[in-house]
C-alpha atoms as a PDB file:
ATOM      1  CA  MET A   1      -1.288   5.979  18.119  1.00  0.00           C
ATOM      2  CA  GLU A   2       1.463   6.933  20.519  1.00  0.00           C
ATOM      3  CA  ALA A   3       5.011   5.882  19.754  1.00  0.00           C
ATOM      4  CA  ASP A   4       5.061   3.444  22.682  1.00  0.00           C
ATOM      5  CA  ALA A   5       1.613   1.954  21.957  1.00  0.00           C
ATOM      6  CA  ARG A   6       1.733  -1.745  21.250  1.00  0.00           C
ATOM      7  CA  LEU A   7      -0.627  -4.387  19.897  1.00  0.00           C
ATOM      8  CA  GLU A   8       0.277  -8.050  19.911  1.00  0.00           C
ATOM      9  CA  SER A   9      -1.771 -11.172  19.220  1.00  0.00           C
ATOM     10  CA  SER A  10      -1.889 -14.480  17.408  1.00  0.00           C
ATOM     11  CA  LEU A  11      -3.290 -14.284  13.891  1.00  0.00           C
ATOM     12  CA  TRP A  12      -3.552 -16.845  11.121  1.00  0.00           C
ATOM     13  CA  VAL A  13      -2.413 -16.761   7.521  1.00  0.00           C
ATOM     14  CA  GLY A  14      -4.035 -19.726   5.868  1.00  0.00           C
ATOM     15  CA  SER A  15      -3.545 -22.597   8.304  1.00  0.00           C
ATOM     16  CA  LYS A  16      -0.364 -21.207   9.889  1.00  0.00           C
ATOM     17  CA  ARG A  17      -0.334 -19.298  13.154  1.00  0.00           C
ATOM     18  CA  TYR A  18       1.658 -16.077  13.385  1.00  0.00           C
ATOM     19  CA  LEU A  19       2.534 -13.772  16.238  1.00  0.00           C
ATOM     20  CA  ALA A  20       1.701 -10.275  14.946  1.00  0.00           C
ATOM     21  CA  LEU A  21       3.211  -7.229  16.637  1.00  0.00           C
ATOM     22  CA  LEU A  22       2.602  -3.531  16.050  1.00  0.00           C
ATOM     23  CA  THR A  23       4.928  -1.144  17.833  1.00  0.00           C
ATOM     24  CA  GLY A  24       5.145   2.570  17.192  1.00  0.00           C
ATOM     25  CA  TRP A  25       7.250   2.356  14.048  1.00  0.00           C
ATOM     26  CA  HIS A  26       7.111  -1.288  12.885  1.00  0.00           C
ATOM     27  CA  PHE A  27       4.573  -3.976  12.065  1.00  0.00           C
ATOM     28  CA  SER A  28       5.903  -7.531  12.112  1.00  0.00           C
ATOM     29  CA  TRP A  29       4.607 -11.061  11.952  1.00  0.00           C
ATOM     30  CA  THR A  30       6.486 -14.191  12.966  1.00  0.00           C
ATOM     31  CA  GLU A  31       5.505 -17.735  12.087  1.00  0.00           C
ATOM     32  CA  ALA A  32       5.018 -19.890  15.179  1.00  0.00           C
ATOM     33  CA  ASP A  33       5.284 -23.654  14.912  1.00  0.00           C
ATOM     34  CA  LYS A  34       3.161 -26.088  16.922  1.00  0.00           C
ATOM     35  CA  LYS A  35       5.675 -26.126  19.778  1.00  0.00           C
ATOM     36  CA  GLY A  36       5.508 -22.345  20.111  1.00  0.00           C
ATOM     37  CA  ARG A  37       8.929 -21.683  18.603  1.00  0.00           C
ATOM     38  CA  HIS A  38       9.194 -18.620  16.401  1.00  0.00           C
ATOM     39  CA  ARG A  39      10.734 -18.487  12.957  1.00  0.00           C
ATOM     40  CA  ASN A  40      10.522 -16.520   9.707  1.00  0.00           C
ATOM     41  CA  THR A  41       9.845 -12.952  10.847  1.00  0.00           C
ATOM     42  CA  VAL A  42       8.744 -10.288   8.384  1.00  0.00           C
ATOM     43  CA  SER A  43       9.088  -6.711   9.639  1.00  0.00           C
ATOM     44  CA  VAL A  44       7.732  -3.689   7.775  1.00  0.00           C
ATOM     45  CA  PRO A  45       8.186  -0.059   8.798  1.00  0.00           C
ATOM     46  CA  VAL A  46       4.743   1.456   9.383  1.00  0.00           C
ATOM     47  CA  ALA A  47       5.593   4.185   6.856  1.00  0.00           C
ATOM     48  CA  GLU A  48       5.815   1.440   4.195  1.00  0.00           C
ATOM     49  CA  VAL A  49       2.350   0.055   4.879  1.00  0.00           C
ATOM     50  CA  ILE A  50       0.376   1.207   1.842  1.00  0.00           C
ATOM     51  CA  GLY A  51      -3.075   0.387   3.144  1.00  0.00           C
ATOM     52  CA  VAL A  52      -5.204  -1.823   5.363  1.00  0.00           C
ATOM     53  CA  GLN A  53      -8.629  -3.087   4.325  1.00  0.00           C
ATOM     54  CA  GLU A  54     -11.192  -5.330   5.929  1.00  0.00           C
ATOM     55  CA  GLY A  55     -11.910  -8.605   4.139  1.00  0.00           C
ATOM     56  CA  ARG A  56      -9.993 -10.578   1.530  1.00  0.00           C
ATOM     57  CA  VAL A  57      -8.855  -7.932  -0.926  1.00  0.00           C
ATOM     58  CA  GLU A  58      -7.107  -8.241  -4.290  1.00  0.00           C
ATOM     59  CA  ILE A  59      -6.209  -5.144  -6.300  1.00  0.00           C
ATOM     60  CA  LEU A  60      -4.213  -6.569  -9.187  1.00  0.00           C
ATOM     61  CA  PRO A  61      -5.120  -7.377 -11.913  1.00  0.00           C
ATOM     62  CA  HIS A  62      -8.601  -6.143 -10.879  1.00  0.00           C
ATOM     63  CA  LYS A  63      -9.903  -5.030  -7.523  1.00  0.00           C
ATOM     64  CA  SER A  64     -12.072  -7.548  -5.718  1.00  0.00           C
ATOM     65  CA  VAL A  65     -13.222  -7.623  -2.111  1.00  0.00           C
ATOM     66  CA  GLU A  66     -14.626 -10.640  -0.319  1.00  0.00           C
ATOM     67  CA  ASP A  67     -16.251  -9.290   2.815  1.00  0.00           C
ATOM     68  CA  THR A  68     -15.559 -11.522   5.794  1.00  0.00           C
ATOM     69  CA  ASP A  69     -16.105 -10.957   9.501  1.00  0.00           C
ATOM     70  CA  LYS A  70     -12.662 -11.893  10.755  1.00  0.00           C
ATOM     71  CA  VAL A  71     -10.177 -11.210   7.935  1.00  0.00           C
ATOM     72  CA  PHE A  72      -8.166  -8.117   7.046  1.00  0.00           C
ATOM     73  CA  THR A  73      -5.613  -7.497   4.310  1.00  0.00           C
ATOM     74  CA  VAL A  74      -2.410  -5.490   4.641  1.00  0.00           C
ATOM     75  CA  PHE A  75      -0.654  -4.067   1.566  1.00  0.00           C
ATOM     76  CA  TYR A  76       2.955  -3.011   2.020  1.00  0.00           C
ATOM     77  CA  VAL A  77       6.210  -2.266   0.222  1.00  0.00           C
ATOM     78  CA  LYS A  78       8.005  -5.562  -0.289  1.00  0.00           C
ATOM     79  CA  ARG A  79      11.736  -5.188  -0.794  1.00  0.00           C
ATOM     80  CA  SER A  80      13.828  -7.810  -2.552  1.00  0.00           C
ATOM     81  CA  ARG A  81      17.100  -8.067  -4.375  1.00  0.00           C
ATOM     82  CA  GLY A  82      16.569  -8.421  -8.085  1.00  0.00           C
ATOM     83  CA  TRP A  83      18.777 -10.176 -10.571  1.00  0.00           C
ATOM     84  CA  GLY A  84      21.027  -7.712 -12.343  1.00  0.00           C
ATOM     85  CA  THR A  85      20.079  -4.723 -10.199  1.00  0.00           C
ATOM     86  CA  ASP A  86      22.377  -2.596  -8.100  1.00  0.00           C
ATOM     87  CA  GLY A  87      19.827  -2.033  -5.365  1.00  0.00           C
ATOM     88  CA  LEU A  88      16.580  -3.282  -4.026  1.00  0.00           C
ATOM     89  CA  LEU A  89      13.451  -3.884  -6.044  1.00  0.00           C
ATOM     90  CA  TRP A  90      10.197  -2.674  -4.562  1.00  0.00           C
ATOM     91  CA  SER A  91       6.989  -4.544  -5.239  1.00  0.00           C
ATOM     92  CA  LEU A  92       3.532  -4.726  -3.751  1.00  0.00           C
ATOM     93  CA  GLY A  93       3.324  -7.110  -0.824  1.00  0.00           C
ATOM     94  CA  ARG A  94      -0.030  -8.413   0.351  1.00  0.00           C
ATOM     95  CA  ILE A  95      -0.920 -10.574   3.304  1.00  0.00           C
ATOM     96  CA  GLN A  96      -4.318 -11.621   4.615  1.00  0.00           C
ATOM     97  CA  PHE A  97      -4.703 -12.204   8.338  1.00  0.00           C
ATOM     98  CA  SER A  98      -7.531 -14.157   9.972  1.00  0.00           C
ATOM     99  CA  CYS A  99      -8.515 -13.215  13.512  1.00  0.00           C
ATOM    100  CA  PRO A 100     -10.308 -15.333  16.111  1.00  0.00           C
ATOM    101  CA  SER A 101     -12.908 -12.571  16.609  1.00  0.00           C
ATOM    102  CA  ARG A 102     -14.469  -9.584  14.873  1.00  0.00           C
ATOM    103  CA  VAL A 103     -13.389  -7.356  17.775  1.00  0.00           C
ATOM    104  CA  LEU A 104      -9.730  -8.300  17.309  1.00  0.00           C
ATOM    105  CA  LYS A 105      -9.977  -7.657  13.553  1.00  0.00           C
ATOM    106  CA  THR A 106     -11.348  -4.182  14.247  1.00  0.00           C
ATOM    107  CA  MET A 107      -8.581  -3.519  16.777  1.00  0.00           C
ATOM    108  CA  TRP A 108      -5.929  -4.441  14.215  1.00  0.00           C
ATOM    109  CA  THR A 109      -7.396  -2.486  11.300  1.00  0.00           C
ATOM    110  CA  ASP A 110      -7.939   0.614  13.461  1.00  0.00           C
ATOM    111  CA  ALA A 111      -4.473   0.412  15.034  1.00  0.00           C
ATOM    112  CA  LEU A 112      -2.689  -0.079  11.707  1.00  0.00           C
ATOM    113  CA  THR A 113      -4.653   2.702  10.002  1.00  0.00           C
ATOM    114  CA  THR A 114      -3.916   5.094  12.868  1.00  0.00           C
ATOM    115  CA  ALA A 115      -0.231   4.123  12.902  1.00  0.00           C
ATOM    116  CA  VAL A 116       0.104   4.776   9.162  1.00  0.00           C
ATOM    117  CA  LYS A 117      -1.498   8.219   9.500  1.00  0.00           C
ATOM    118  CA  THR A 118       0.623   9.062  12.551  1.00  0.00           C
ATOM    119  CA  HIS A 119       3.968   7.899  11.193  1.00  0.00           C
ATOM    120  CA  SER A 120       3.502   9.015   7.577  1.00  0.00           C
ATOM    121  CA  PRO A 121       2.356  12.628   7.940  1.00  0.00           C
ATOM    122  CA  LEU A 122       4.026  13.678   4.687  1.00  0.00           C
ATOM    123  CA  ARG A 123       2.254  11.038   2.601  1.00  0.00           C
ATOM    124  CA  PRO A 124       0.651  12.807  -0.382  1.00  0.00           C
ATOM    125  CA  GLN A 125      -3.122  13.194  -0.379  1.00  0.00           C
ATOM    126  CA  ARG A 126      -3.725  14.738  -3.816  1.00  0.00           C
ATOM    127  CA  LEU A 127      -1.613  14.297  -6.948  1.00  0.00           C
ATOM    128  CA  LEU A 128      -1.684  15.784 -10.433  1.00  0.00           C
ATOM    129  CA  VAL A 129      -1.189  12.992 -12.992  1.00  0.00           C
ATOM    130  CA  PHE A 130      -0.174  13.476 -16.613  1.00  0.00           C
ATOM    131  CA  ILE A 131      -0.661  10.507 -18.928  1.00  0.00           C
ATOM    132  CA  ASN A 132       1.259  10.448 -22.211  1.00  0.00           C
ATOM    133  CA  PRO A 133      -0.804   8.133 -24.435  1.00  0.00           C
ATOM    134  CA  TYR A 134       1.670   8.356 -27.334  1.00  0.00           C
ATOM    135  CA  GLY A 135       5.053   7.601 -25.731  1.00  0.00           C
ATOM    136  CA  GLY A 136       6.827   4.256 -25.735  1.00  0.00           C
ATOM    137  CA  LYS A 137       4.495   1.403 -26.666  1.00  0.00           C
ATOM    138  CA  LYS A 138       1.469   3.698 -26.342  1.00  0.00           C
ATOM    139  CA  LYS A 139       0.273   2.001 -23.144  1.00  0.00           C
ATOM    140  CA  GLY A 140       0.252   5.009 -20.795  1.00  0.00           C
ATOM    141  CA  ARG A 141      -3.513   4.880 -20.162  1.00  0.00           C
ATOM    142  CA  GLU A 142      -3.476   1.127 -19.619  1.00  0.00           C
ATOM    143  CA  ILE A 143      -0.543   1.341 -17.197  1.00  0.00           C
ATOM    144  CA  TYR A 144      -2.201   4.095 -15.187  1.00  0.00           C
ATOM    145  CA  HIS A 145      -5.622   2.445 -14.943  1.00  0.00           C
ATOM    146  CA  SER A 146      -4.365  -1.097 -14.291  1.00  0.00           C
ATOM    147  CA  LEU A 147      -1.359  -0.458 -12.030  1.00  0.00           C
ATOM    148  CA  VAL A 148      -1.098   3.097 -10.717  1.00  0.00           C
ATOM    149  CA  ALA A 149      -4.721   4.060  -9.973  1.00  0.00           C
ATOM    150  CA  PRO A 150      -5.416   0.964  -7.817  1.00  0.00           C
ATOM    151  CA  LEU A 151      -2.353   1.749  -5.671  1.00  0.00           C
ATOM    152  CA  PHE A 152      -3.428   5.367  -5.255  1.00  0.00           C
ATOM    153  CA  GLU A 153      -6.910   4.245  -4.214  1.00  0.00           C
ATOM    154  CA  LEU A 154      -5.478   1.766  -1.737  1.00  0.00           C
ATOM    155  CA  ALA A 155      -3.245   4.427  -0.190  1.00  0.00           C
ATOM    156  CA  GLY A 156      -6.092   6.953  -0.003  1.00  0.00           C
ATOM    157  CA  ILE A 157      -4.549   9.279  -2.580  1.00  0.00           C
ATOM    158  CA  SER A 158      -6.863  11.236  -4.859  1.00  0.00           C
ATOM    159  CA  SER A 159      -5.671  12.310  -8.280  1.00  0.00           C
ATOM    160  CA  HIS A 160      -6.537  14.754 -11.025  1.00  0.00           C
ATOM    161  CA  VAL A 161      -5.678  13.126 -14.355  1.00  0.00           C
ATOM    162  CA  ILE A 162      -4.785  14.965 -17.563  1.00  0.00           C
ATOM    163  CA  VAL A 163      -4.223  12.953 -20.745  1.00  0.00           C
ATOM    164  CA  THR A 164      -1.818  14.967 -22.870  1.00  0.00           C
ATOM    165  CA  GLU A 165      -2.664  15.618 -26.504  1.00  0.00           C
ATOM    166  CA  ARG A 166       0.487  17.354 -27.720  1.00  0.00           C
ATOM    167  CA  ALA A 167       4.194  17.674 -27.030  1.00  0.00           C
ATOM    168  CA  ASN A 168       5.132  19.815 -23.997  1.00  0.00           C
ATOM    169  CA  GLN A 169       1.520  20.055 -22.792  1.00  0.00           C
ATOM    170  CA  ALA A 170       2.476  18.871 -19.293  1.00  0.00           C
ATOM    171  CA  ARG A 171       5.336  21.392 -19.114  1.00  0.00           C
ATOM    172  CA  ASP A 172       3.096  24.228 -20.272  1.00  0.00           C
ATOM    173  CA  HIS A 173       0.444  23.285 -17.733  1.00  0.00           C
ATOM    174  CA  LEU A 174       2.979  23.265 -14.900  1.00  0.00           C
ATOM    175  CA  LEU A 175       4.364  26.662 -15.902  1.00  0.00           C
ATOM    176  CA  LYS A 176       1.005  28.418 -16.384  1.00  0.00           C
ATOM    177  CA  LYS A 177      -1.381  26.909 -13.823  1.00  0.00           C
ATOM    178  CA  HIS A 178      -1.409  27.207 -10.068  1.00  0.00           C
ATOM    179  CA  LEU A 179      -0.517  23.936  -8.412  1.00  0.00           C
ATOM    180  CA  THR A 180      -2.022  24.858  -5.066  1.00  0.00           C
ATOM    181  CA  GLY A 181      -3.845  21.882  -3.646  1.00  0.00           C
ATOM    182  CA  PHE A 182      -1.533  19.278  -5.150  1.00  0.00           C
ATOM    183  CA  ASP A 183       1.132  17.479  -3.159  1.00  0.00           C
ATOM    184  CA  GLY A 184       3.010  16.261  -6.206  1.00  0.00           C
ATOM    185  CA  VAL A 185       3.063  15.564  -9.925  1.00  0.00           C
ATOM    186  CA  VAL A 186       3.205  12.121 -11.537  1.00  0.00           C
ATOM    187  CA  CYS A 187       3.890  11.407 -15.203  1.00  0.00           C
ATOM    188  CA  VAL A 188       2.865   8.086 -16.736  1.00  0.00           C
ATOM    189  CA  GLY A 189       4.066   6.974 -20.143  1.00  0.00           C
ATOM    190  CA  GLY A 190       3.900   3.704 -21.942  1.00  0.00           C
END
């Protein structure tokens, strides 16, 4: 999608109508009341859109997809100020849009997917993941499979997972093996 390409239309979230707008670098949606006045705009940089999927999609606590003709789901980085934090907290935002037609749904999903690929060229495609099943509360596997893996799948990131069995195994692997083909390394502990 070119930087000046633009898509704009009315979409629904539940029973409320929103004006959705995709410009080169931002995706936003603004609630419109019955008199056509706009209020409550949410704007997300395209680089912070994690994924777009057709249908009503849930990924946490378990992935489920309800296939519908006119609905698509956008997952994005939701920023908020947390109590007792110095900065912003990031969490998974999810919004489901209903379109008046199947054609419009396809236009939106294609445009958003293309925009994410265009404006996030450095997004990792393949990651090496080390899981420490013994650290902390010993929940490394559970954390990876319930929280991390669904996000990777949603973002189109493949991963090679190694569950460590001894101290310094991840370090030894990184020092001795070639990491060609991996865009990054992730460590998950519990």
